[in-house]
Structures are given as C-alpha cells and as structure tokens.
C-alpha cells in the first residue's frame, strides 16, 4: 500500500490548509488528494479557495474542475 494511502485523506486535507508548509508541498497535497481519494469535498475546497497563497488557490480550482464529491 502506498505511503500516501496509509497516511489517509485527512493528512492531505490538513496539509493543504497548513500555511506553515511550503507552497510546493501544499500544491502536491491537492494533487495527491485528488489522484488517490477522488474529488475534493466542497466544504474543504471552499476554505482552501481563500488561501493566502495564489498557487494553492489555483491548484484547488484545477481540482474542482475535475469534479466534486
């Protein structure tokens, strides 16, 4: 089982929202979340679209374009 699956969906959701992490890690968390766990939860996505990091907002928009749960 991939390490990402072992960490679970919540770990990636928390990483996206964590302003202490570097932008690249937060962007990758969005990608992994969508790739392994499916569409974003609209409630979480709404909060992430308010991120202070434009690159994170853009990646969340990309993920939303792939569909929501």
PDB file of N, CA and C in Angstrom:
ATOM      1  N   UNK A   1       0.848  -1.174   0.000  1.00  0.00           N
ATOM      2  CA  UNK A   1       0.000   0.000   0.000  1.00  0.00           C
ATOM      3  C   UNK A   1       0.898   1.243   0.000  1.00  0.00           C
ATOM      4  N   UNK A   2       0.618   2.191  -0.886  1.00  0.00           N
ATOM      5  CA  UNK A   2       1.417   3.412  -0.921  1.00  0.00           C
ATOM      6  C   UNK A   2       1.343   4.169   0.404  1.00  0.00           C
ATOM      7  N   UNK A   3       2.438   4.812   0.738  1.00  0.00           N
ATOM      8  CA  UNK A   3       2.503   5.584   1.980  1.00  0.00           C
ATOM      9  C   UNK A   3       1.393   6.624   2.036  1.00  0.00           C
ATOM     10  N   UNK A   4       1.105   7.235   0.910  1.00  0.00           N
ATOM     11  CA  UNK A   4       0.060   8.266   0.884  1.00  0.00           C
ATOM     12  C   UNK A   4      -1.281   7.699   1.332  1.00  0.00           C
ATOM     13  N   UNK A   5      -1.605   6.508   0.905  1.00  0.00           N
ATOM     14  CA  UNK A   5      -2.876   5.885   1.341  1.00  0.00           C
ATOM     15  C   UNK A   5      -2.837   5.569   2.834  1.00  0.00           C
ATOM     16  N   UNK A   6      -1.673   5.157   3.310  1.00  0.00           N
ATOM     17  CA  UNK A   6      -1.542   4.850   4.739  1.00  0.00           C
ATOM     18  C   UNK A   6      -1.743   6.107   5.580  1.00  0.00           C
ATOM     19  N   UNK A   7      -1.255   7.234   5.083  1.00  0.00           N
ATOM     20  CA  UNK A   7      -1.435   8.488   5.817  1.00  0.00           C
ATOM     21  C   UNK A   7      -2.907   8.874   5.893  1.00  0.00           C
ATOM     22  N   UNK A   8      -3.639   8.595   4.824  1.00  0.00           N
ATOM     23  CA  UNK A   8      -5.075   8.856   4.799  1.00  0.00           C
ATOM     24  C   UNK A   8      -5.425  10.227   4.253  1.00  0.00           C
ATOM     25  N   UNK A   9      -6.649  10.352   3.871  1.00  0.00           N
ATOM     26  CA  UNK A   9      -7.175  11.563   3.255  1.00  0.00           C
ATOM     27  C   UNK A   9      -7.019  12.785   4.150  1.00  0.00           C
ATOM     28  N   UNK A  10      -7.290  12.632   5.425  1.00  0.00           N
ATOM     29  CA  UNK A  10      -7.253  13.771   6.352  1.00  0.00           C
ATOM     30  C   UNK A  10      -5.873  14.412   6.414  1.00  0.00           C
ATOM     31  N   UNK A  11      -4.814  13.626   6.304  1.00  0.00           N
ATOM     32  CA  UNK A  11      -3.460  14.172   6.356  1.00  0.00           C
ATOM     33  C   UNK A  11      -3.226  15.156   5.216  1.00  0.00           C
ATOM     34  N   UNK A  12      -3.749  14.843   4.043  1.00  0.00           N
ATOM     35  CA  UNK A  12      -3.568  15.722   2.892  1.00  0.00           C
ATOM     36  C   UNK A  12      -4.472  16.943   2.980  1.00  0.00           C
ATOM     37  N   UNK A  13      -5.661  16.766   3.518  1.00  0.00           N
ATOM     38  CA  UNK A  13      -6.560  17.901   3.725  1.00  0.00           C
ATOM     39  C   UNK A  13      -5.933  18.895   4.702  1.00  0.00           C
ATOM     40  N   UNK A  14      -5.319  18.381   5.750  1.00  0.00           N
ATOM     41  CA  UNK A  14      -4.655  19.242   6.730  1.00  0.00           C
ATOM     42  C   UNK A  14      -3.453  19.950   6.111  1.00  0.00           C
ATOM     43  N   UNK A  15      -2.706  19.241   5.276  1.00  0.00           N
ATOM     44  CA  UNK A  15      -1.525  19.839   4.639  1.00  0.00           C
ATOM     45  C   UNK A  15      -1.903  21.000   3.734  1.00  0.00           C
ATOM     46  N   UNK A  16      -2.981  20.866   3.012  1.00  0.00           N
ATOM     47  CA  UNK A  16      -3.412  21.947   2.106  1.00  0.00           C
ATOM     48  C   UNK A  16      -3.685  23.222   2.894  1.00  0.00           C
ATOM     49  N   UNK A  17      -4.269  23.088   4.054  1.00  0.00           N
ATOM     50  CA  UNK A  17      -4.648  24.241   4.865  1.00  0.00           C
ATOM     51  C   UNK A  17      -3.511  24.792   5.726  1.00  0.00           C
ATOM     52  N   UNK A  18      -2.410  24.075   5.808  1.00  0.00           N
ATOM     53  CA  UNK A  18      -1.318  24.443   6.727  1.00  0.00           C
ATOM     54  C   UNK A  18      -0.393  25.489   6.100  1.00  0.00           C
ATOM     55  N   UNK A  19      -0.549  26.741   6.510  1.00  0.00           N
ATOM     56  CA  UNK A  19       0.261  27.833   5.982  1.00  0.00           C
ATOM     57  C   UNK A  19       1.743  27.721   6.357  1.00  0.00           C
ATOM     58  N   UNK A  20       2.070  26.867   7.298  1.00  0.00           N
ATOM     59  CA  UNK A  20       3.475  26.695   7.684  1.00  0.00           C
ATOM     60  C   UNK A  20       4.250  25.856   6.679  1.00  0.00           C
ATOM     61  N   UNK A  21       3.536  25.060   5.879  1.00  0.00           N
ATOM     62  CA  UNK A  21       4.200  24.236   4.867  1.00  0.00           C
ATOM     63  C   UNK A  21       4.557  25.082   3.649  1.00  0.00           C
ATOM     64  N   UNK A  22       5.592  24.645   2.927  1.00  0.00           N
ATOM     65  CA  UNK A  22       5.949  25.365   1.713  1.00  0.00           C
ATOM     66  C   UNK A  22       4.853  25.159   0.662  1.00  0.00           C
ATOM     67  N   UNK A  23       4.787  26.096  -0.251  1.00  0.00           N
ATOM     68  CA  UNK A  23       3.727  26.108  -1.268  1.00  0.00           C
ATOM     69  C   UNK A  23       3.746  24.834  -2.106  1.00  0.00           C
ATOM     70  N   UNK A  24       4.933  24.383  -2.507  1.00  0.00           N
ATOM     71  CA  UNK A  24       5.032  23.183  -3.346  1.00  0.00           C
ATOM     72  C   UNK A  24       4.424  21.967  -2.651  1.00  0.00           C
ATOM     73  N   UNK A  25       4.634  21.836  -1.357  1.00  0.00           N
ATOM     74  CA  UNK A  25       4.072  20.706  -0.608  1.00  0.00           C
ATOM     75  C   UNK A  25       2.557  20.791  -0.541  1.00  0.00           C
ATOM     76  N   UNK A  26       2.045  21.983  -0.370  1.00  0.00           N
ATOM     77  CA  UNK A  26       0.591  22.160  -0.305  1.00  0.00           C
ATOM     78  C   UNK A  26      -0.052  21.873  -1.656  1.00  0.00           C
ATOM     79  N   UNK A  27       0.606  22.297  -2.731  1.00  0.00           N
ATOM     80  CA  UNK A  27       0.103  22.010  -4.078  1.00  0.00           C
ATOM     81  C   UNK A  27       0.113  20.510  -4.323  1.00  0.00           C
ATOM     82  N   UNK A  28       1.203  19.857  -3.944  1.00  0.00           N
ATOM     83  CA  UNK A  28       1.284  18.407  -4.141  1.00  0.00           C
ATOM     84  C   UNK A  28       0.215  17.700  -3.325  1.00  0.00           C
ATOM     85  N   UNK A  29      -0.103  18.220  -2.143  1.00  0.00           N
ATOM     86  CA  UNK A  29      -1.160  17.621  -1.320  1.00  0.00           C
ATOM     87  C   UNK A  29      -2.500  17.658  -2.051  1.00  0.00           C
ATOM     88  N   UNK A  30      -2.781  18.754  -2.762  1.00  0.00           N
ATOM     89  CA  UNK A  30      -4.011  18.833  -3.555  1.00  0.00           C
ATOM     90  C   UNK A  30      -4.001  17.744  -4.620  1.00  0.00           C
ATOM     91  N   UNK A  31      -2.887  17.614  -5.315  1.00  0.00           N
ATOM     92  CA  UNK A  31      -2.778  16.632  -6.392  1.00  0.00           C
ATOM     93  C   UNK A  31      -2.947  15.202  -5.880  1.00  0.00           C
ATOM     94  N   UNK A  32      -2.271  14.887  -4.774  1.00  0.00           N
ATOM     95  CA  UNK A  32      -2.371  13.540  -4.208  1.00  0.00           C
ATOM     96  C   UNK A  32      -3.790  13.273  -3.740  1.00  0.00           C
ATOM     97  N   UNK A  33      -4.382  14.247  -3.100  1.00  0.00           N
ATOM     98  CA  UNK A  33      -5.756  14.080  -2.608  1.00  0.00           C
ATOM     99  C   UNK A  33      -6.700  13.700  -3.742  1.00  0.00           C
ATOM    100  N   UNK A  34      -6.598  14.410  -4.849  1.00  0.00           N
ATOM    101  CA  UNK A  34      -7.478  14.138  -5.993  1.00  0.00           C
ATOM    102  C   UNK A  34      -7.124  12.799  -6.652  1.00  0.00           C
ATOM    103  N   UNK A  35      -5.829  12.543  -6.819  1.00  0.00           N
ATOM    104  CA  UNK A  35      -5.398  11.323  -7.502  1.00  0.00           C
ATOM    105  C   UNK A  35      -5.750  10.052  -6.731  1.00  0.00           C
ATOM    106  N   UNK A  36      -5.601  10.094  -5.413  1.00  0.00           N
ATOM    107  CA  UNK A  36      -5.811   8.882  -4.619  1.00  0.00           C
ATOM    108  C   UNK A  36      -7.183   8.771  -3.971  1.00  0.00           C
ATOM    109  N   UNK A  37      -7.782   9.906  -3.656  1.00  0.00           N
ATOM    110  CA  UNK A  37      -9.011   9.857  -2.868  1.00  0.00           C
ATOM    111  C   UNK A  37     -10.227  10.417  -3.596  1.00  0.00           C
ATOM    112  N   UNK A  38     -10.045  10.854  -4.824  1.00  0.00           N
ATOM    113  CA  UNK A  38     -11.181  11.316  -5.614  1.00  0.00           C
ATOM    114  C   UNK A  38     -11.429  12.802  -5.492  1.00  0.00           C
ATOM    115  N   UNK A  39     -12.588  13.249  -5.940  1.00  0.00           N
ATOM    116  CA  UNK A  39     -12.907  14.682  -5.969  1.00  0.00           C
ATOM    117  C   UNK A  39     -12.832  15.333  -4.589  1.00  0.00           C
ATOM    118  N   UNK A  40     -12.566  16.628  -4.599  1.00  0.00           N
ATOM    119  CA  UNK A  40     -12.490  17.380  -3.344  1.00  0.00           C
ATOM    120  C   UNK A  40     -13.857  17.496  -2.690  1.00  0.00           C
ATOM    121  N   UNK A  41     -13.842  17.529  -1.377  1.00  0.00           N
ATOM    122  CA  UNK A  41     -15.050  17.808  -0.607  1.00  0.00           C
ATOM    123  C   UNK A  41     -15.337  19.300  -0.763  1.00  0.00           C
ATOM    124  N   UNK A  42     -16.521  19.668  -1.229  1.00  0.00           N
ATOM    125  CA  UNK A  42     -16.823  21.088  -1.463  1.00  0.00           C
ATOM    126  C   UNK A  42     -16.640  21.973  -0.224  1.00  0.00           C
ATOM    127  N   UNK A  43     -16.926  21.460   0.954  1.00  0.00           N
ATOM    128  CA  UNK A  43     -16.772  22.262   2.173  1.00  0.00           C
ATOM    129  C   UNK A  43     -15.310  22.619   2.415  1.00  0.00           C
ATOM    130  N   UNK A  44     -14.423  21.638   2.241  1.00  0.00           N
ATOM    131  CA  UNK A  44     -12.992  21.905   2.398  1.00  0.00           C
ATOM    132  C   UNK A  44     -12.509  22.821   1.281  1.00  0.00           C
ATOM    133  N   UNK A  45     -12.924  22.532   0.072  1.00  0.00           N
ATOM    134  CA  UNK A  45     -12.465  23.291  -1.089  1.00  0.00           C
ATOM    135  C   UNK A  45     -12.822  24.771  -0.951  1.00  0.00           C
ATOM    136  N   UNK A  46     -13.985  25.041  -0.421  1.00  0.00           N
ATOM    137  CA  UNK A  46     -14.388  26.437  -0.240  1.00  0.00           C
ATOM    138  C   UNK A  46     -13.393  27.183   0.651  1.00  0.00           C
ATOM    139  N   UNK A  47     -12.979  26.547   1.723  1.00  0.00           N
ATOM    140  CA  UNK A  47     -11.999  27.164   2.622  1.00  0.00           C
ATOM    141  C   UNK A  47     -10.644  27.324   1.928  1.00  0.00           C
ATOM    142  N   UNK A  48     -10.243  26.308   1.175  1.00  0.00           N
ATOM    143  CA  UNK A  48      -8.938  26.359   0.509  1.00  0.00           C
ATOM    144  C   UNK A  48      -8.889  27.424  -0.573  1.00  0.00           C
ATOM    145  N   UNK A  49     -10.017  27.783  -1.157  1.00  0.00           N
ATOM    146  CA  UNK A  49     -10.015  28.836  -2.172  1.00  0.00           C
ATOM    147  C   UNK A  49      -9.757  30.206  -1.550  1.00  0.00           C
ATOM    148  N   UNK A  50      -9.742  30.273  -0.237  1.00  0.00           N
ATOM    149  CA  UNK A  50      -9.430  31.513   0.470  1.00  0.00           C
ATOM    150  C   UNK A  50      -7.973  31.554   0.936  1.00  0.00           C
ATOM    151  N   UNK A  51      -7.179  30.602   0.504  1.00  0.00           N
ATOM    152  CA  UNK A  51      -5.771  30.531   0.901  1.00  0.00           C
ATOM    153  C   UNK A  51      -5.047  31.830   0.565  1.00  0.00           C
ATOM    154  N   UNK A  52      -4.085  32.189   1.402  1.00  0.00           N
ATOM    155  CA  UNK A  52      -3.276  33.384   1.137  1.00  0.00           C
ATOM    156  C   UNK A  52      -2.282  33.138   0.005  1.00  0.00           C
ATOM    157  N   UNK A  53      -2.090  31.880  -0.380  1.00  0.00           N
ATOM    158  CA  UNK A  53      -1.146  31.526  -1.441  1.00  0.00           C
ATOM    159  C   UNK A  53      -1.887  31.377  -2.776  1.00  0.00           C
ATOM    160  N   UNK A  54      -1.653  32.263  -3.717  1.00  0.00           N
ATOM    161  CA  UNK A  54      -2.335  32.163  -5.013  1.00  0.00           C
ATOM    162  C   UNK A  54      -2.136  30.809  -5.697  1.00  0.00           C
ATOM    163  N   UNK A  55      -0.951  30.239  -5.597  1.00  0.00           N
ATOM    164  CA  UNK A  55      -0.685  28.957  -6.265  1.00  0.00           C
ATOM    165  C   UNK A  55      -1.542  27.834  -5.692  1.00  0.00           C
ATOM    166  N   UNK A  56      -1.815  27.897  -4.404  1.00  0.00           N
ATOM    167  CA  UNK A  56      -2.688  26.886  -3.782  1.00  0.00           C
ATOM    168  C   UNK A  56      -4.114  27.080  -4.283  1.00  0.00           C
ATOM    169  N   UNK A  57      -4.560  28.308  -4.347  1.00  0.00           N
ATOM    170  CA  UNK A  57      -5.912  28.583  -4.859  1.00  0.00           C
ATOM    171  C   UNK A  57      -6.068  28.083  -6.292  1.00  0.00           C
ATOM    172  N   UNK A  58      -5.042  28.292  -7.100  1.00  0.00           N
ATOM    173  CA  UNK A  58      -5.090  27.842  -8.493  1.00  0.00           C
ATOM    174  C   UNK A  58      -5.185  26.322  -8.569  1.00  0.00           C
ATOM    175  N   UNK A  59      -4.402  25.631  -7.731  1.00  0.00           N
ATOM    176  CA  UNK A  59      -4.428  24.160  -7.774  1.00  0.00           C
ATOM    177  C   UNK A  59      -5.763  23.637  -7.262  1.00  0.00           C
ATOM    178  N   UNK A  60      -6.346  24.288  -6.294  1.00  0.00           N
ATOM    179  CA  UNK A  60      -7.664  23.888  -5.810  1.00  0.00           C
ATOM    180  C   UNK A  60      -8.694  24.104  -6.917  1.00  0.00           C
ATOM    181  N   UNK A  61      -8.594  25.207  -7.644  1.00  0.00           N
ATOM    182  CA  UNK A  61      -9.508  25.448  -8.766  1.00  0.00           C
ATOM    183  C   UNK A  61      -9.353  24.344  -9.814  1.00  0.00           C
ATOM    184  N   UNK A  62      -8.113  23.970 -10.106  1.00  0.00           N
ATOM    185  CA  UNK A  62      -7.860  22.869 -11.052  1.00  0.00           C
ATOM    186  C   UNK A  62      -8.567  21.604 -10.558  1.00  0.00           C
ATOM    187  N   UNK A  63      -8.401  21.301  -9.269  1.00  0.00           N
ATOM    188  CA  UNK A  63      -9.000  20.084  -8.722  1.00  0.00           C
ATOM    189  C   UNK A  63     -10.526  20.146  -8.785  1.00  0.00           C
ATOM    190  N   UNK A  64     -11.094  21.313  -8.526  1.00  0.00           N
ATOM    191  CA  UNK A  64     -12.547  21.459  -8.605  1.00  0.00           C
ATOM    192  C   UNK A  64     -13.037  21.255 -10.035  1.00  0.00           C
ATOM    193  N   UNK A  65     -12.207  21.642 -10.995  1.00  0.00           N
ATOM    194  CA  UNK A  65     -12.561  21.422 -12.392  1.00  0.00           C
ATOM    195  C   UNK A  65     -12.652  19.961 -12.755  1.00  0.00           C
ATOM    196  N   UNK A  66     -12.043  19.130 -11.949  1.00  0.00           N
ATOM    197  CA  UNK A  66     -12.098  17.675 -12.155  1.00  0.00           C
ATOM    198  C   UNK A  66     -13.345  17.076 -11.527  1.00  0.00           C
ATOM    199  N   UNK A  67     -14.111  17.892 -10.794  1.00  0.00           N
ATOM    200  CA  UNK A  67     -15.354  17.421 -10.170  1.00  0.00           C
ATOM    201  C   UNK A  67     -15.268  17.470  -8.665  1.00  0.00           C
ATOM    202  N   UNK A  68     -16.425  17.453  -8.006  1.00  0.00           N
ATOM    203  CA  UNK A  68     -16.501  17.447  -6.548  1.00  0.00           C
ATOM    204  C   UNK A  68     -17.270  16.214  -6.097  1.00  0.00           C
ATOM    205  N   UNK A  69     -17.116  15.901  -4.812  1.00  0.00           N
ATOM    206  CA  UNK A  69     -17.824  14.729  -4.268  1.00  0.00           C
ATOM    207  C   UNK A  69     -19.229  15.079  -3.867  1.00  0.00           C
TER     208      UNK A  69
END
